[in-house]
C-alpha atoms as a PDB file:
ATOM      1  CA  UNK A   1      -0.172   0.052  -0.005  1.00  0.00           C
ATOM      2  CA  UNK A   2       1.622   3.323  -0.877  1.00  0.00           C
ATOM      3  CA  UNK A   3       0.991   6.338   1.120  1.00  0.00           C
ATOM      4  CA  UNK A   4      -1.213   7.999  -1.108  1.00  0.00           C
ATOM      5  CA  UNK A   5      -3.335   5.080  -0.560  1.00  0.00           C
ATOM      6  CA  UNK A   6      -3.030   5.133   2.510  1.00  0.00           C
ATOM      7  CA  UNK A   7      -4.253   9.163   2.751  1.00  0.00           C
ATOM      8  CA  UNK A   8      -7.103   7.780   0.783  1.00  0.00           C
ATOM      9  CA  UNK A   9      -8.311   5.429   2.762  1.00  0.00           C
ATOM     10  CA  UNK A  10      -7.720   7.747   6.372  1.00  0.00           C
ATOM     11  CA  UNK A  11      -9.210  10.394   3.897  1.00  0.00           C
ATOM     12  CA  UNK A  12     -12.564   7.951   3.048  1.00  0.00           C
ATOM     13  CA  UNK A  13     -12.548   7.248   6.898  1.00  0.00           C
ATOM     14  CA  UNK A  14     -12.769  10.589   8.586  1.00  0.00           C
ATOM     15  CA  UNK A  15     -15.346  11.967   6.125  1.00  0.00           C
ATOM     16  CA  UNK A  16     -17.648   9.096   6.465  1.00  0.00           C
ATOM     17  CA  UNK A  17     -17.555   9.975  10.022  1.00  0.00           C
ATOM     18  CA  UNK A  18     -18.336  13.689   9.385  1.00  0.00           C
ATOM     19  CA  UNK A  19     -21.237  12.282   7.318  1.00  0.00           C
ATOM     20  CA  UNK A  20     -22.380  10.363   9.941  1.00  0.00           C
ATOM     21  CA  UNK A  21     -21.592  12.482  12.627  1.00  0.00           C
ATOM     22  CA  UNK A  22     -23.341  15.611  10.960  1.00  0.00           C
ATOM     23  CA  UNK A  23     -26.958  12.911   9.545  1.00  0.00           C
ATOM     24  CA  UNK A  24     -26.744  12.384  13.277  1.00  0.00           C
ATOM     25  CA  UNK A  25     -27.319  15.746  14.670  1.00  0.00           C
ATOM     26  CA  UNK A  26     -30.321  16.358  11.259  1.00  0.00           C
ATOM     27  CA  UNK A  27     -32.076  13.270  12.266  1.00  0.00           C
ATOM     28  CA  UNK A  28     -31.646  14.094  16.401  1.00  0.00           C
ATOM     29  CA  UNK A  29     -33.230  17.694  15.601  1.00  0.00           C
ATOM     30  CA  UNK A  30     -35.745  16.377  13.441  1.00  0.00           C
ATOM     31  CA  UNK A  31     -36.886  14.194  15.512  1.00  0.00           C
ATOM     32  CA  UNK A  32     -36.801  16.600  18.288  1.00  0.00           C
ATOM     33  CA  UNK A  33     -38.842  18.798  16.747  1.00  0.00           C
ATOM     34  CA  UNK A  34     -41.014  16.638  15.330  1.00  0.00           C
ATOM     35  CA  UNK A  35     -41.613  15.588  19.755  1.00  0.00           C
ATOM     36  CA  UNK A  36     -42.115  19.015  20.231  1.00  0.00           C
ATOM     37  CA  UNK A  37     -44.902  19.236  17.357  1.00  0.00           C
ATOM     38  CA  UNK A  38     -46.705  16.044  19.153  1.00  0.00           C
ATOM     39  CA  UNK A  39     -45.899  18.007  21.991  1.00  0.00           C
ATOM     40  CA  UNK A  40     -48.611  20.392  21.629  1.00  0.00           C
ATOM     41  CA  UNK A  41     -51.043  18.186  19.118  1.00  0.00           C
ATOM     42  CA  UNK A  42     -51.883  16.346  22.359  1.00  0.00           C
ATOM     43  CA  UNK A  43     -52.561  19.779  23.876  1.00  0.00           C
ATOM     44  CA  UNK A  44     -55.240  20.854  21.777  1.00  0.00           C
ATOM     45  CA  UNK A  45     -56.037  18.075  21.533  1.00  0.00           C
ATOM     46  CA  UNK A  46     -56.614  17.933  25.343  1.00  0.00           C
ATOM     47  CA  UNK A  47     -58.255  21.284  25.884  1.00  0.00           C
ATOM     48  CA  UNK A  48     -60.779  19.947  22.440  1.00  0.00           C
ATOM     49  CA  UNK A  49     -61.664  16.921  25.055  1.00  0.00           C
ATOM     50  CA  UNK A  50     -61.932  19.274  27.719  1.00  0.00           C
ATOM     51  CA  UNK A  51     -64.443  21.620  26.095  1.00  0.00           C
ATOM     52  CA  UNK A  52     -66.607  18.860  24.579  1.00  0.00           C
ATOM     53  CA  UNK A  53     -66.980  17.653  27.956  1.00  0.00           C
ATOM     54  CA  UNK A  54     -68.457  21.620  28.615  1.00  0.00           C
ATOM     55  CA  UNK A  55     -70.503  21.254  25.485  1.00  0.00           C
ATOM     56  CA  UNK A  56     -71.971  17.576  26.633  1.00  0.00           C
ATOM     57  CA  UNK A  57     -72.680  18.469  30.030  1.00  0.00           C
ATOM     58  CA  UNK A  58     -73.888  21.898  28.851  1.00  0.00           C
ATOM     59  CA  UNK A  59     -76.267  19.614  26.175  1.00  0.00           C
ATOM     60  CA  UNK A  60     -77.166  17.794  29.234  1.00  0.00           C
ATOM     61  CA  UNK A  61     -78.757  20.911  31.296  1.00  0.00           C
ATOM     62  CA  UNK A  62     -80.822  21.562  28.202  1.00  0.00           C
ATOM     63  CA  UNK A  63     -81.774  18.622  27.600  1.00  0.00           C
ATOM     64  CA  UNK A  64     -83.442  17.928  31.425  1.00  0.00           C
ATOM     65  CA  UNK A  65     -84.780  21.358  31.680  1.00  0.00           C
ATOM     66  CA  UNK A  66     -86.683  20.631  28.287  1.00  0.00           C
ATOM     67  CA  UNK A  67     -87.911  17.733  29.845  1.00  0.00           C
ATOM     68  CA  UNK A  68     -89.150  19.890  32.962  1.00  0.00           C
ATOM     69  CA  UNK A  69     -90.465  22.739  29.926  1.00  0.00           C
ATOM     70  CA  UNK A  70     -92.487  19.821  28.308  1.00  0.00           C
ATOM     71  CA  UNK A  71     -94.176  18.326  31.609  1.00  0.00           C
ATOM     72  CA  UNK A  72     -95.306  21.572  32.811  1.00  0.00           C
ATOM     73  CA  UNK A  73     -96.951  21.689  29.159  1.00  0.00           C
ATOM     74  CA  UNK A  74     -98.613  18.483  29.695  1.00  0.00           C
ATOM     75  CA  UNK A  75    -100.039  19.881  33.256  1.00  0.00           C
ATOM     76  CA  UNK A  76    -101.150  22.666  31.453  1.00  0.00           C
ATOM     77  CA  UNK A  77    -103.346  21.256  29.104  1.00  0.00           C
ATOM     78  CA  UNK A  78    -104.451  18.893  30.772  1.00  0.00           C
ATOM     79  CA  UNK A  79    -106.087  21.909  33.037  1.00  0.00           C
ATOM     80  CA  UNK A  80    -106.342  23.922  30.251  1.00  0.00           C
ATOM     81  CA  UNK A  81    -107.535  22.162  27.930  1.00  0.00           C
ATOM     82  CA  UNK A  82    -109.714  18.871  29.066  1.00  0.00           C
ATOM     83  CA  UNK A  83    -109.326  15.717  26.822  1.00  0.00           C
ATOM     84  CA  UNK A  84    -112.636  14.376  24.272  1.00  0.00           C
ATOM     85  CA  UNK A  85    -113.927  11.907  27.092  1.00  0.00           C
ATOM     86  CA  UNK A  86    -114.076  14.643  29.302  1.00  0.00           C
ATOM     87  CA  UNK A  87    -116.235  16.660  27.381  1.00  0.00           C
ATOM     88  CA  UNK A  88    -119.094  13.601  26.646  1.00  0.00           C
ATOM     89  CA  UNK A  89    -117.710  13.593  23.345  1.00  0.00           C
END
C-alpha cells in the first residue's frame, strides 16, 4: 500500500465519520422538532376534549330543562284543554 492510498483511505474514513455525525445531528434535530409538535398537538387535543366535555354537560342540562318544560306544558294542557272523554264526546 502506497502513502497516497493510506491518505485516501484515511480521508474517506474521516469524511464518513463527519457525514455520519452530521446525519446523526440532523436526525436528532428532526426528532426534537417532531416531538415538540406532537406534544403541542396532544395539548390541543386535550383542550378540545375538555371543551367537548363542557358542551356535553351543557347539552345534558338543556335536555333536563326541556324535559321539565315539556312536563309543565302537559300539565297545563290537561287542565286548560280537557280531553274528549271529559267533554262527553
